[in-house]
Amino acid sequence: MDIFLEKIVKRRKTIVDIMVSISIILSALIIILFLFSLSFLSAFLPFLIVGIGYLAYMFVRNRSVEYEYIVTNGDLDIDMIIAQRKRKRIFSGSCKDFDMVAKLTSGQFDSNVQSIKKRINAFTSIDSPDIYFITATKEGNRTLVLFEPHPKMVESFKKYIPRKVFE
């Protein structure tokens, strides 16, 4: 029997996201006001205003990020979806290659795990109570993946690697 599970989570906006969005909008307004002072551009001014407004809108919209987790027969794929239109695979691996799968609040998240340099954060917010982590060796480098799987995904991992899953 094949196992196919998927879950989509939306990253919550942080203070940094809000500040970047505000600075993009303010920068666009300042540029538009500056263009009004240049009289030799008056014929092109409507096109420039629309173009700058559209660019600002696209930059602000690209701050919206979702993560999709897909588990297929013990393989985990994590995709980042930007502005609900652009998809990028940020992690792919077989659970048999995982060193450990555990809840972030478990005792397994020790200094050895915290010292891993390569991190993939694919969760809604660090305050979420359901964050799990995976440690794996990919291409010779240890990788730490933080994500919020569905409970059935964790059960699926237990079927394939029962000694490496901790809750």
C-alpha atoms as a PDB file:
ATOM      1  CA  MET A   1       0.000   0.000   0.000  1.00  0.00           C
ATOM      2  CA  ASP A   2       1.390   3.383  -1.014  1.00  0.00           C
ATOM      3  CA  ILE A   3       1.529   6.234   1.460  1.00  0.00           C
ATOM      4  CA  PHE A   4       0.900   9.769   0.198  1.00  0.00           C
ATOM      5  CA  LEU A   5       0.439  12.639   2.656  1.00  0.00           C
ATOM      6  CA  GLU A   6       0.656  16.372   2.141  1.00  0.00           C
ATOM      7  CA  LYS A   7       0.273  19.472   4.239  1.00  0.00           C
ATOM      8  CA  ILE A   8       0.539  23.182   3.458  1.00  0.00           C
ATOM      9  CA  VAL A   9       1.414  25.732   6.140  1.00  0.00           C
ATOM     10  CA  LYS A  10       1.612  29.491   5.708  1.00  0.00           C
ATOM     11  CA  ARG A  11       4.487  31.367   7.307  1.00  0.00           C
ATOM     12  CA  ARG A  12       3.273  34.062   9.669  1.00  0.00           C
ATOM     13  CA  LYS A  13       4.450  37.577   8.963  1.00  0.00           C
ATOM     14  CA  THR A  14       7.135  38.755  11.341  1.00  0.00           C
ATOM     15  CA  ILE A  15       8.058  42.283  12.335  1.00  0.00           C
ATOM     16  CA  VAL A  16      10.832  42.131   9.721  1.00  0.00           C
ATOM     17  CA  ASP A  17       8.310  41.270   6.988  1.00  0.00           C
ATOM     18  CA  ILE A  18       6.077  44.165   8.008  1.00  0.00           C
ATOM     19  CA  MET A  19       8.998  46.604   8.158  1.00  0.00           C
ATOM     20  CA  VAL A  20      10.269  45.509   4.733  1.00  0.00           C
ATOM     21  CA  SER A  21       6.796  45.933   3.238  1.00  0.00           C
ATOM     22  CA  ILE A  22       6.429  49.403   4.748  1.00  0.00           C
ATOM     23  CA  SER A  23       9.884  50.439   3.510  1.00  0.00           C
ATOM     24  CA  ILE A  24       9.087  49.200  -0.019  1.00  0.00           C
ATOM     25  CA  ILE A  25       5.861  51.213  -0.106  1.00  0.00           C
ATOM     26  CA  LEU A  26       7.524  54.334   1.302  1.00  0.00           C
ATOM     27  CA  SER A  27      10.407  54.023  -1.159  1.00  0.00           C
ATOM     28  CA  ALA A  28       7.967  53.740  -4.062  1.00  0.00           C
ATOM     29  CA  LEU A  29       6.106  56.851  -2.882  1.00  0.00           C
ATOM     30  CA  ILE A  30       9.343  58.831  -2.517  1.00  0.00           C
ATOM     31  CA  ILE A  31      10.469  57.824  -6.015  1.00  0.00           C
ATOM     32  CA  ILE A  32       7.076  58.801  -7.457  1.00  0.00           C
ATOM     33  CA  LEU A  33       7.201  62.192  -5.703  1.00  0.00           C
ATOM     34  CA  PHE A  34      10.722  62.726  -7.018  1.00  0.00           C
ATOM     35  CA  LEU A  35       9.563  61.920 -10.562  1.00  0.00           C
ATOM     36  CA  PHE A  36       6.899  64.661 -10.295  1.00  0.00           C
ATOM     37  CA  SER A  37       9.681  67.214  -9.850  1.00  0.00           C
ATOM     38  CA  LEU A  38      11.359  66.193 -13.132  1.00  0.00           C
ATOM     39  CA  SER A  39       9.540  68.149 -15.816  1.00  0.00           C
ATOM     40  CA  PHE A  40      11.245  66.485 -18.790  1.00  0.00           C
ATOM     41  CA  LEU A  41       9.595  63.147 -17.846  1.00  0.00           C
ATOM     42  CA  SER A  42       6.033  64.504 -17.841  1.00  0.00           C
ATOM     43  CA  ALA A  43       5.068  62.564 -20.993  1.00  0.00           C
ATOM     44  CA  PHE A  44       6.197  59.267 -19.452  1.00  0.00           C
ATOM     45  CA  LEU A  45       5.073  59.997 -15.903  1.00  0.00           C
ATOM     46  CA  PRO A  46       1.853  57.895 -15.937  1.00  0.00           C
ATOM     47  CA  PHE A  47       3.751  54.859 -17.235  1.00  0.00           C
ATOM     48  CA  LEU A  48       6.508  55.288 -14.666  1.00  0.00           C
ATOM     49  CA  ILE A  49       4.012  55.630 -11.818  1.00  0.00           C
ATOM     50  CA  VAL A  50       2.165  52.473 -12.879  1.00  0.00           C
ATOM     51  CA  GLY A  51       5.479  50.603 -13.308  1.00  0.00           C
ATOM     52  CA  ILE A  52       6.809  51.637  -9.900  1.00  0.00           C
ATOM     53  CA  GLY A  53       3.480  50.811  -8.260  1.00  0.00           C
ATOM     54  CA  TYR A  54       3.432  47.376  -9.877  1.00  0.00           C
ATOM     55  CA  LEU A  55       7.020  46.633  -8.800  1.00  0.00           C
ATOM     56  CA  ALA A  56       6.232  47.682  -5.226  1.00  0.00           C
ATOM     57  CA  TYR A  57       3.138  45.458  -5.251  1.00  0.00           C
ATOM     58  CA  MET A  58       5.148  42.468  -6.525  1.00  0.00           C
ATOM     59  CA  PHE A  59       7.900  42.948  -3.936  1.00  0.00           C
ATOM     60  CA  VAL A  60       5.373  43.171  -1.096  1.00  0.00           C
ATOM     61  CA  ARG A  61       3.442  40.167  -2.412  1.00  0.00           C
ATOM     62  CA  ASN A  62       6.636  38.073  -2.624  1.00  0.00           C
ATOM     63  CA  ARG A  63       6.898  38.328   1.170  1.00  0.00           C
ATOM     64  CA  SER A  64       3.980  35.839   1.379  1.00  0.00           C
ATOM     65  CA  VAL A  65       5.474  32.358   1.807  1.00  0.00           C
ATOM     66  CA  GLU A  66       3.902  28.917   2.249  1.00  0.00           C
ATOM     67  CA  TYR A  67       5.545  25.547   2.766  1.00  0.00           C
ATOM     68  CA  GLU A  68       4.214  22.284   1.375  1.00  0.00           C
ATOM     69  CA  TYR A  69       5.285  18.977   2.913  1.00  0.00           C
ATOM     70  CA  ILE A  70       4.810  15.839   0.846  1.00  0.00           C
ATOM     71  CA  VAL A  71       5.491  12.348   2.228  1.00  0.00           C
ATOM     72  CA  THR A  72       5.434   9.544  -0.323  1.00  0.00           C
ATOM     73  CA  ASN A  73       6.438   6.066   0.859  1.00  0.00           C
ATOM     74  CA  GLY A  74       9.003   7.391   3.328  1.00  0.00           C
ATOM     75  CA  ASP A  75      10.353  10.170   1.098  1.00  0.00           C
ATOM     76  CA  LEU A  76       9.930  13.751   2.315  1.00  0.00           C
ATOM     77  CA  ASP A  77       9.803  16.710  -0.057  1.00  0.00           C
ATOM     78  CA  ILE A  78       9.464  20.270   1.212  1.00  0.00           C
ATOM     79  CA  ASP A  79       8.578  23.013  -1.262  1.00  0.00           C
ATOM     80  CA  MET A  80       8.519  26.742  -0.639  1.00  0.00           C
ATOM     81  CA  ILE A  81       5.649  28.513  -2.411  1.00  0.00           C
ATOM     82  CA  ILE A  82       6.197  32.236  -2.916  1.00  0.00           C
ATOM     83  CA  ALA A  83       3.150  34.474  -3.468  1.00  0.00           C
ATOM     84  CA  GLN A  84       1.052  31.396  -4.371  1.00  0.00           C
ATOM     85  CA  ARG A  85       2.627  31.258  -7.818  1.00  0.00           C
ATOM     86  CA  LYS A  86       6.284  30.303  -7.645  1.00  0.00           C
ATOM     87  CA  ARG A  87       7.420  26.956  -6.225  1.00  0.00           C
ATOM     88  CA  LYS A  88      10.921  25.988  -5.157  1.00  0.00           C
ATOM     89  CA  ARG A  89      12.045  22.647  -3.694  1.00  0.00           C
ATOM     90  CA  ILE A  90      14.074  23.365  -0.562  1.00  0.00           C
ATOM     91  CA  PHE A  91      14.499  19.830   0.780  1.00  0.00           C
ATOM     92  CA  SER A  92      14.133  16.311  -0.524  1.00  0.00           C
ATOM     93  CA  GLY A  93      15.225  13.132   1.175  1.00  0.00           C
ATOM     94  CA  SER A  94      14.403   9.583   2.134  1.00  0.00           C
ATOM     95  CA  CYS A  95      13.587   8.926   5.777  1.00  0.00           C
ATOM     96  CA  LYS A  96      16.110   6.074   5.715  1.00  0.00           C
ATOM     97  CA  ASP A  97      18.809   8.760   5.361  1.00  0.00           C
ATOM     98  CA  PHE A  98      17.548  10.699   8.398  1.00  0.00           C
ATOM     99  CA  ASP A  99      19.686  10.582  11.518  1.00  0.00           C
ATOM    100  CA  MET A 100      16.796  11.616  13.742  1.00  0.00           C
ATOM    101  CA  VAL A 101      13.200  12.879  13.661  1.00  0.00           C
ATOM    102  CA  ALA A 102      12.041  14.468  16.909  1.00  0.00           C
ATOM    103  CA  LYS A 103       9.830  17.134  18.364  1.00  0.00           C
ATOM    104  CA  LEU A 104      11.609  20.409  19.020  1.00  0.00           C
ATOM    105  CA  THR A 105      10.472  20.368  22.658  1.00  0.00           C
ATOM    106  CA  SER A 106      11.857  16.868  23.220  1.00  0.00           C
ATOM    107  CA  GLY A 107      15.161  16.349  24.940  1.00  0.00           C
ATOM    108  CA  GLN A 108      16.778  15.389  21.633  1.00  0.00           C
ATOM    109  CA  PHE A 109      17.282  19.024  20.538  1.00  0.00           C
ATOM    110  CA  ASP A 110      20.630  19.348  22.305  1.00  0.00           C
ATOM    111  CA  SER A 111      23.763  21.389  21.625  1.00  0.00           C
ATOM    112  CA  ASN A 112      24.994  18.814  19.094  1.00  0.00           C
ATOM    113  CA  VAL A 113      21.874  19.361  16.980  1.00  0.00           C
ATOM    114  CA  GLN A 114      21.804  23.119  17.561  1.00  0.00           C
ATOM    115  CA  SER A 115      25.364  23.450  16.261  1.00  0.00           C
ATOM    116  CA  ILE A 116      24.415  22.245  12.753  1.00  0.00           C
ATOM    117  CA  LYS A 117      25.219  25.088  10.367  1.00  0.00           C
ATOM    118  CA  LYS A 118      22.900  24.304   7.452  1.00  0.00           C
ATOM    119  CA  ARG A 119      19.309  24.953   8.548  1.00  0.00           C
ATOM    120  CA  ILE A 120      16.039  24.854   6.670  1.00  0.00           C
ATOM    121  CA  ASN A 121      13.220  26.661   8.477  1.00  0.00           C
ATOM    122  CA  ALA A 122       9.881  25.562   7.029  1.00  0.00           C
ATOM    123  CA  PHE A 123       7.387  26.382   9.764  1.00  0.00           C
ATOM    124  CA  THR A 124       4.686  28.958  10.453  1.00  0.00           C
ATOM    125  CA  SER A 125       6.256  30.489  13.533  1.00  0.00           C
ATOM    126  CA  ILE A 126       8.949  29.439  15.991  1.00  0.00           C
ATOM    127  CA  ASP A 127       6.286  29.733  18.731  1.00  0.00           C
ATOM    128  CA  SER A 128       4.245  26.882  17.247  1.00  0.00           C
ATOM    129  CA  PRO A 129       3.972  23.875  19.607  1.00  0.00           C
ATOM    130  CA  ASP A 130       4.073  21.254  16.824  1.00  0.00           C
ATOM    131  CA  ILE A 131       7.532  21.878  15.351  1.00  0.00           C
ATOM    132  CA  TYR A 132       9.620  18.802  14.606  1.00  0.00           C
ATOM    133  CA  PHE A 133      13.204  18.641  13.423  1.00  0.00           C
ATOM    134  CA  ILE A 134      15.081  16.291  11.159  1.00  0.00           C
ATOM    135  CA  THR A 135      18.807  15.824  11.049  1.00  0.00           C
ATOM    136  CA  ALA A 136      20.211  14.296   7.892  1.00  0.00           C
ATOM    137  CA  THR A 137      23.476  14.126   6.015  1.00  0.00           C
ATOM    138  CA  LYS A 138      22.999  15.403   2.473  1.00  0.00           C
ATOM    139  CA  GLU A 139      25.919  15.679   0.062  1.00  0.00           C
ATOM    140  CA  GLY A 140      28.428  15.356   2.880  1.00  0.00           C
ATOM    141  CA  ASN A 141      26.902  18.151   4.981  1.00  0.00           C
ATOM    142  CA  ARG A 142      24.710  17.763   8.046  1.00  0.00           C
ATOM    143  CA  THR A 143      21.376  19.475   7.583  1.00  0.00           C
ATOM    144  CA  LEU A 144      18.796  20.506  10.164  1.00  0.00           C
ATOM    145  CA  VAL A 145      15.205  20.806   8.935  1.00  0.00           C
ATOM    146  CA  LEU A 146      12.567  22.440  11.136  1.00  0.00           C
ATOM    147  CA  PHE A 147       8.972  21.820  10.042  1.00  0.00           C
ATOM    148  CA  GLU A 148       5.400  21.169  11.255  1.00  0.00           C
ATOM    149  CA  PRO A 149       4.303  17.751   9.979  1.00  0.00           C
ATOM    150  CA  HIS A 150       0.864  16.244  10.248  1.00  0.00           C
ATOM    151  CA  PRO A 151       0.722  13.500  12.949  1.00  0.00           C
ATOM    152  CA  LYS A 152       0.154  10.905  10.215  1.00  0.00           C
ATOM    153  CA  MET A 153       3.479  11.941   8.661  1.00  0.00           C
ATOM    154  CA  VAL A 154       5.277  11.232  11.927  1.00  0.00           C
ATOM    155  CA  GLU A 155       3.527   7.846  12.111  1.00  0.00           C
ATOM    156  CA  SER A 156       4.670   7.141   8.561  1.00  0.00           C
ATOM    157  CA  PHE A 157       8.276   7.882   9.545  1.00  0.00           C
ATOM    158  CA  LYS A 158       7.893   5.504  12.524  1.00  0.00           C
ATOM    159  CA  LYS A 159       7.009   2.681  10.140  1.00  0.00           C
ATOM    160  CA  TYR A 160      10.250   3.123   8.210  1.00  0.00           C
ATOM    161  CA  ILE A 161      12.668   4.231  10.956  1.00  0.00           C
ATOM    162  CA  PRO A 162      11.145   3.325  14.355  1.00  0.00           C
ATOM    163  CA  ARG A 163      14.381   3.757  16.353  1.00  0.00           C
ATOM    164  CA  LYS A 164      15.066   7.245  14.999  1.00  0.00           C
ATOM    165  CA  VAL A 165      11.697   8.924  15.693  1.00  0.00           C
ATOM    166  CA  PHE A 166      11.243  10.623  19.073  1.00  0.00           C
ATOM    167  CA  GLU A 167       8.255  12.541  20.404  1.00  0.00           C
END
